[in-house]
Amino acid sequence: MLEKMLNDFEHENVPKINNYLESNLTKDINQNTLANSMYYSLMAGGKRLRPLLTLATMKTLNQNVNDDNLRAVCAIELLHTYSLIHDDLPAMDNDDLRRGMPTNHVKFGAGMATLAGDGLLSLAFQWVADNNLSIDIKSQLILMLSKASGPSGMVAGQASDIEFENKTLSLASLQRLHRGKTGALINYAVSAGAIMSNADKNLQTLLSTYADDYGLAFQIYDDILDVIATSKQLGKPVHQDNKKNTYPNLIGLKNSYLELEKVLDHSHKTLNQIKENYGIDTDLLAAFLTYFKIS
């Protein structure tokens, strides 16, 4: 039932996200090659997980979504795409395949790919600010997105990933790394939905806990897939993490599955607490947890 709920929600909302991105991206770009490079990676596909989480949070909290909300929601996909372009660069992971297509630097060159990422990053903040949401909501979103994407969040996680590539981390240190690298932007996605729905501080905290669990589960699952999946299944190179700190490398594949189960169990308990405390139907957010296949 939950899987069908997630599929129905994706079927309804992914086209809305894609249509908004496609219709609005190039309005704010003044250089044709740069526009093509930004468009190439942004519209190359993908699950649109982060904006979907924002929309799911807003639906869970019975908040209607208008064009101003949608503009702020889609901004996170701009920022996420920037991170993927930069992550694939020769100076970083040097990957040549992303979502089953040549990476941006393979098609447009490393310099243009870097600028495409820069452009998407800047445009993300423009979209959060350039709408008719209240000044209070916009300022909260901009501050939170700055922290999530910057040197105390995602960028810090990526830096640690590079710095500790040939060093073995403890499990606690690995979790901290991933809270920045992957978890910070996922936390923002859920928290942004709570802010745009005017949730109280206690509810925001509970939803943030759910989001932290989701981000951690996402990274554990991604590490597992790098071991068990094929490039064709994932649309990107696999078995690339042999020298990196990953859950299978640190605690083994079997224990990685157990760790994933533990995180998902805690996430379900948090959603149940929200349901009990606020009388809110959290099934849609629970449905997002079916993304992680552990059988």
Protein backbone atom coordinates (compact mmCIF):
# COMPACT_ATOMS: atom_id res chain seq x y z
CA MET A 1 0.00 0.00 0.00
CA LEU A 2 2.78 2.43 0.92
CA GLU A 3 4.69 1.67 -2.27
CA LYS A 4 1.59 2.45 -4.34
CA MET A 5 1.13 5.67 -2.39
CA LEU A 6 4.70 6.70 -3.22
CA ASN A 7 4.31 5.73 -6.89
CA ASP A 8 1.09 7.73 -7.17
CA PHE A 9 2.67 10.75 -5.51
CA GLU A 10 5.68 10.59 -7.84
CA HIS A 11 3.44 10.16 -10.88
CA GLU A 12 1.51 13.30 -9.90
CA ASN A 13 4.39 15.53 -8.86
CA VAL A 14 7.52 14.64 -10.86
CA PRO A 15 5.96 16.06 -14.06
CA LYS A 16 5.09 19.28 -12.17
CA ILE A 17 8.70 19.61 -11.01
CA ASN A 18 10.12 18.81 -14.45
CA ASN A 19 7.74 21.21 -16.21
CA TYR A 20 8.65 24.04 -13.87
CA LEU A 21 12.39 23.42 -14.25
CA GLU A 22 12.19 23.16 -18.03
CA SER A 23 9.96 26.22 -18.41
CA ASN A 24 11.89 28.53 -16.11
CA LEU A 25 15.58 27.59 -16.15
CA THR A 26 16.76 29.46 -19.23
CA LYS A 27 14.81 32.65 -18.39
CA ASP A 28 17.64 33.64 -16.06
CA ILE A 29 20.68 32.66 -18.19
CA ASN A 30 22.34 35.06 -20.63
CA GLN A 31 24.92 32.78 -22.29
CA ASN A 32 23.85 30.05 -24.70
CA THR A 33 26.53 27.42 -24.07
CA LEU A 34 26.20 27.89 -20.34
CA ALA A 35 22.43 27.52 -20.66
CA ASN A 36 22.85 24.30 -22.64
CA SER A 37 25.30 22.90 -20.09
CA MET A 38 23.05 23.75 -17.12
CA TYR A 39 19.98 22.39 -18.92
CA TYR A 40 21.79 19.20 -19.95
CA SER A 41 22.45 18.05 -16.40
CA LEU A 42 19.29 19.44 -14.82
CA MET A 43 16.98 17.72 -17.31
CA ALA A 44 18.95 14.48 -17.61
CA GLY A 45 16.43 12.66 -15.45
CA GLY A 46 16.73 11.68 -11.83
CA LYS A 47 14.23 10.83 -9.12
CA ARG A 48 13.66 14.47 -8.01
CA LEU A 49 13.80 13.04 -4.49
CA ARG A 50 14.58 16.27 -2.64
CA PRO A 51 11.79 18.45 -4.07
CA LEU A 52 9.44 15.49 -3.71
CA LEU A 53 10.29 15.29 -0.01
CA THR A 54 9.50 18.99 0.36
CA LEU A 55 6.16 18.57 -1.39
CA ALA A 56 5.38 15.44 0.63
CA THR A 57 6.06 17.29 3.87
CA MET A 58 3.76 20.11 2.79
CA LYS A 59 1.02 17.67 1.83
CA THR A 60 1.40 15.86 5.14
CA LEU A 61 0.93 19.19 6.91
CA ASN A 62 -2.08 20.09 4.70
CA GLN A 63 -0.32 23.04 3.06
CA ASN A 64 -1.43 23.98 -0.45
CA VAL A 65 1.35 24.51 -3.01
CA ASN A 66 1.17 27.60 -5.22
CA ASP A 67 3.65 28.87 -7.84
CA ASP A 68 5.71 30.70 -5.22
CA ASN A 69 6.06 27.55 -3.12
CA LEU A 70 6.90 25.52 -6.21
CA ARG A 71 9.66 27.95 -7.21
CA ALA A 72 11.28 27.57 -3.78
CA VAL A 73 10.73 23.80 -3.88
CA CYS A 74 12.43 23.43 -7.28
CA ALA A 75 15.41 25.51 -6.16
CA ILE A 76 16.73 22.54 -4.23
CA GLU A 77 16.95 20.50 -7.44
CA LEU A 78 19.10 23.24 -9.00
CA LEU A 79 21.44 23.05 -6.04
CA HIS A 80 21.49 19.25 -5.99
CA THR A 81 22.36 19.17 -9.71
CA TYR A 82 25.23 21.60 -9.13
CA SER A 83 26.64 19.22 -6.53
CA LEU A 84 26.45 16.28 -8.94
CA ILE A 85 28.23 18.18 -11.74
CA HIS A 86 31.06 19.19 -9.41
CA ASP A 87 31.23 15.75 -7.82
CA ASP A 88 31.81 14.19 -11.26
CA LEU A 89 34.63 16.58 -12.25
CA PRO A 90 38.15 15.23 -12.94
CA ALA A 91 39.44 16.93 -9.78
CA MET A 92 36.81 15.11 -7.72
CA ASP A 93 35.49 11.62 -8.63
CA ASN A 94 36.37 11.89 -12.35
CA ASP A 95 33.25 9.99 -13.41
CA ASP A 96 32.25 9.81 -17.06
CA LEU A 97 28.69 8.53 -16.63
CA ARG A 98 25.73 10.03 -14.76
CA ARG A 99 22.11 8.86 -15.12
CA GLY A 100 23.18 6.74 -18.08
CA MET A 101 24.58 9.72 -20.00
CA PRO A 102 28.04 11.30 -20.38
CA THR A 103 28.78 13.57 -17.45
CA ASN A 104 28.71 17.31 -17.98
CA HIS A 105 32.48 17.74 -18.20
CA VAL A 106 32.72 14.93 -20.76
CA LYS A 107 30.21 16.71 -23.00
CA PHE A 108 31.06 20.37 -22.37
CA GLY A 109 34.58 20.33 -20.89
CA ALA A 110 35.66 20.75 -17.28
CA GLY A 111 35.65 24.56 -17.38
CA MET A 112 32.11 24.91 -18.70
CA ALA A 113 30.89 22.14 -16.37
CA THR A 114 32.34 24.01 -13.41
CA LEU A 115 30.55 27.19 -14.51
CA ALA A 116 27.29 25.27 -15.06
CA GLY A 117 27.50 24.08 -11.46
CA ASP A 118 28.26 27.60 -10.28
CA GLY A 119 25.30 28.92 -12.24
CA LEU A 120 22.89 26.36 -10.77
CA LEU A 121 24.12 27.08 -7.25
CA SER A 122 23.57 30.83 -7.64
CA LEU A 123 20.23 30.39 -9.36
CA ALA A 124 18.98 28.18 -6.54
CA PHE A 125 19.29 31.04 -4.08
CA GLN A 126 17.74 33.44 -6.59
CA TRP A 127 14.65 31.23 -6.85
CA VAL A 128 14.30 30.99 -3.08
CA ALA A 129 14.44 34.79 -2.82
CA ASP A 130 12.62 35.82 -6.02
CA ASN A 131 9.00 34.92 -5.21
CA ASN A 132 6.05 36.22 -3.21
CA LEU A 133 6.53 34.15 -0.08
CA SER A 134 6.73 36.16 3.14
CA ILE A 135 10.03 37.82 4.01
CA ASP A 136 10.20 35.72 7.18
CA ILE A 137 9.82 32.42 5.33
CA LYS A 138 12.30 33.43 2.62
CA SER A 139 14.92 34.49 5.15
CA GLN A 140 14.54 31.21 7.05
CA LEU A 141 14.88 29.19 3.84
CA ILE A 142 17.91 31.12 2.60
CA LEU A 143 19.72 30.78 5.93
CA MET A 144 18.91 27.09 6.19
CA LEU A 145 19.89 26.37 2.57
CA SER A 146 23.17 28.28 3.02
CA LYS A 147 24.06 26.15 6.02
CA ALA A 148 22.93 22.88 4.42
CA SER A 149 24.86 23.41 1.19
CA GLY A 150 27.90 25.28 2.48
CA PRO A 151 31.06 24.73 4.55
CA SER A 152 29.14 23.52 7.58
CA GLY A 153 27.02 21.10 5.53
CA MET A 154 27.38 19.46 2.13
CA VAL A 155 30.68 21.10 1.17
CA ALA A 156 32.18 20.10 4.52
CA GLY A 157 31.08 16.51 3.95
CA GLN A 158 32.63 16.46 0.48
CA ALA A 159 35.85 17.91 1.87
CA SER A 160 36.02 15.20 4.53
CA ASP A 161 35.32 12.57 1.88
CA ILE A 162 38.41 13.74 -0.02
CA GLU A 163 40.62 14.27 3.02
CA PHE A 164 39.95 10.85 4.55
CA GLU A 165 39.90 8.81 1.33
CA ASN A 166 42.92 6.73 2.32
CA LYS A 167 42.21 6.71 6.06
CA THR A 168 39.85 4.45 7.96
CA LEU A 169 37.20 6.31 9.93
CA SER A 170 35.21 5.12 12.91
CA LEU A 171 31.51 4.46 12.35
CA ALA A 172 30.63 7.65 14.26
CA SER A 173 33.02 9.70 12.10
CA LEU A 174 31.58 8.16 8.94
CA GLN A 175 28.08 9.08 10.07
CA ARG A 176 29.19 12.67 10.68
CA LEU A 177 30.74 12.81 7.21
CA HIS A 178 27.52 11.63 5.59
CA ARG A 179 25.34 13.96 7.63
CA GLY A 180 27.10 16.71 5.71
CA LYS A 181 27.73 15.11 2.33
CA THR A 182 24.27 13.62 1.78
CA GLY A 183 22.11 14.29 4.81
CA ALA A 184 22.28 18.08 5.03
CA LEU A 185 20.42 18.72 1.78
CA ILE A 186 17.82 16.04 2.53
CA ASN A 187 17.29 17.59 5.94
CA TYR A 188 16.79 20.95 4.25
CA ALA A 189 14.22 19.45 1.86
CA VAL A 190 11.99 18.26 4.70
CA SER A 191 12.63 21.28 6.91
CA ALA A 192 11.78 23.66 4.06
CA GLY A 193 8.42 21.94 3.71
CA ALA A 194 7.82 22.36 7.43
CA ILE A 195 8.76 26.06 7.32
CA MET A 196 6.52 26.77 4.33
CA SER A 197 3.71 25.00 6.21
CA ASN A 198 4.21 27.12 9.34
CA ALA A 199 4.91 24.08 11.53
CA ASP A 200 5.72 24.80 15.16
CA LYS A 201 9.27 24.33 16.46
CA ASN A 202 8.64 20.96 18.12
CA LEU A 203 7.13 19.55 14.94
CA GLN A 204 10.01 20.97 12.92
CA THR A 205 12.43 19.15 15.24
CA LEU A 206 10.63 15.82 14.84
CA LEU A 207 10.51 16.20 11.06
CA SER A 208 14.21 17.10 11.09
CA THR A 209 14.92 13.86 12.97
CA TYR A 210 13.00 11.91 10.30
CA ALA A 211 15.01 13.73 7.63
CA ASP A 212 18.34 12.97 9.34
CA ASP A 213 17.42 9.28 9.41
CA TYR A 214 16.37 9.44 5.78
CA GLY A 215 19.64 11.03 4.72
CA LEU A 216 21.66 8.43 6.61
CA ALA A 217 19.59 5.59 5.16
CA PHE A 218 20.04 7.04 1.69
CA GLN A 219 23.84 7.00 2.02
CA ILE A 220 23.99 3.50 3.51
CA TYR A 221 21.75 2.24 0.72
CA ASP A 222 23.85 4.01 -1.92
CA ASP A 223 26.98 2.38 -0.49
CA ILE A 224 25.29 -1.02 -0.62
CA LEU A 225 24.19 -0.50 -4.22
CA ASP A 226 27.76 0.39 -5.21
CA VAL A 227 28.66 -3.18 -4.17
CA ILE A 228 25.69 -5.19 -5.43
CA ALA A 229 24.32 -3.27 -8.45
CA THR A 230 25.53 -2.83 -12.03
CA SER A 231 26.34 0.35 -13.93
CA LYS A 232 23.33 -0.29 -16.18
CA GLN A 233 20.99 -0.50 -13.17
CA LEU A 234 22.28 2.71 -11.59
CA GLY A 235 23.18 4.73 -14.69
CA LYS A 236 26.60 5.56 -13.22
CA PRO A 237 29.88 3.72 -12.51
CA VAL A 238 29.85 1.22 -9.65
CA HIS A 239 32.59 -0.31 -7.50
CA GLN A 240 34.18 3.15 -7.33
CA ASP A 241 34.38 3.27 -3.54
CA ASN A 242 37.11 0.72 -2.84
CA LYS A 243 39.43 3.34 -1.34
CA LYS A 244 36.71 5.40 0.32
CA ASN A 245 35.05 5.25 3.70
CA THR A 246 31.78 3.44 3.06
CA TYR A 247 29.59 1.27 5.24
CA PRO A 248 30.42 -2.01 3.42
CA ASN A 249 34.13 -1.19 3.52
CA LEU A 250 34.00 -0.36 7.22
CA ILE A 251 31.52 -2.86 8.71
CA GLY A 252 30.85 -5.29 5.86
CA LEU A 253 27.83 -5.77 3.61
CA LYS A 254 25.77 -7.84 6.08
CA ASN A 255 26.22 -5.33 8.90
CA SER A 256 25.45 -2.49 6.47
CA TYR A 257 22.02 -4.02 5.89
CA LEU A 258 21.54 -4.32 9.67
CA GLU A 259 22.56 -0.68 10.14
CA LEU A 260 20.09 0.35 7.43
CA GLU A 261 17.30 -1.57 9.17
CA LYS A 262 18.12 0.13 12.47
CA VAL A 263 17.97 3.60 10.93
CA LEU A 264 14.69 2.88 9.15
CA ASP A 265 13.16 1.53 12.36
CA HIS A 266 14.07 4.73 14.18
CA SER A 267 12.57 6.80 11.36
CA HIS A 268 9.28 4.91 11.58
CA LYS A 269 9.20 5.49 15.35
CA THR A 270 9.67 9.23 14.80
CA LEU A 271 6.78 9.31 12.32
CA ASN A 272 4.60 7.43 14.80
CA GLN A 273 5.47 10.01 17.43
CA ILE A 274 4.40 12.81 15.08
CA LYS A 275 1.14 10.97 14.42
CA GLU A 276 0.47 10.52 18.15
CA ASN A 277 1.45 14.06 19.18
CA TYR A 278 -0.23 15.98 16.36
CA GLY A 279 -2.89 13.67 14.95
CA ILE A 280 -1.21 13.95 11.55
CA ASP A 281 -1.35 11.18 8.94
CA THR A 282 2.33 10.44 8.24
CA ASP A 283 1.78 7.57 5.81
CA LEU A 284 3.10 9.55 2.84
CA LEU A 285 6.42 10.22 4.57
CA ALA A 286 6.52 6.56 5.63
CA ALA A 287 5.95 5.65 1.98
CA PHE A 288 9.22 7.37 1.08
CA LEU A 289 11.02 4.83 3.27
CA THR A 290 9.96 2.05 0.87
CA TYR A 291 12.64 3.42 -1.49
CA PHE A 292 15.14 1.37 0.51
CA LYS A 293 14.75 -2.27 -0.54
CA ILE A 294 16.36 -4.42 2.14
CA SER A 295 14.96 -7.84 1.23
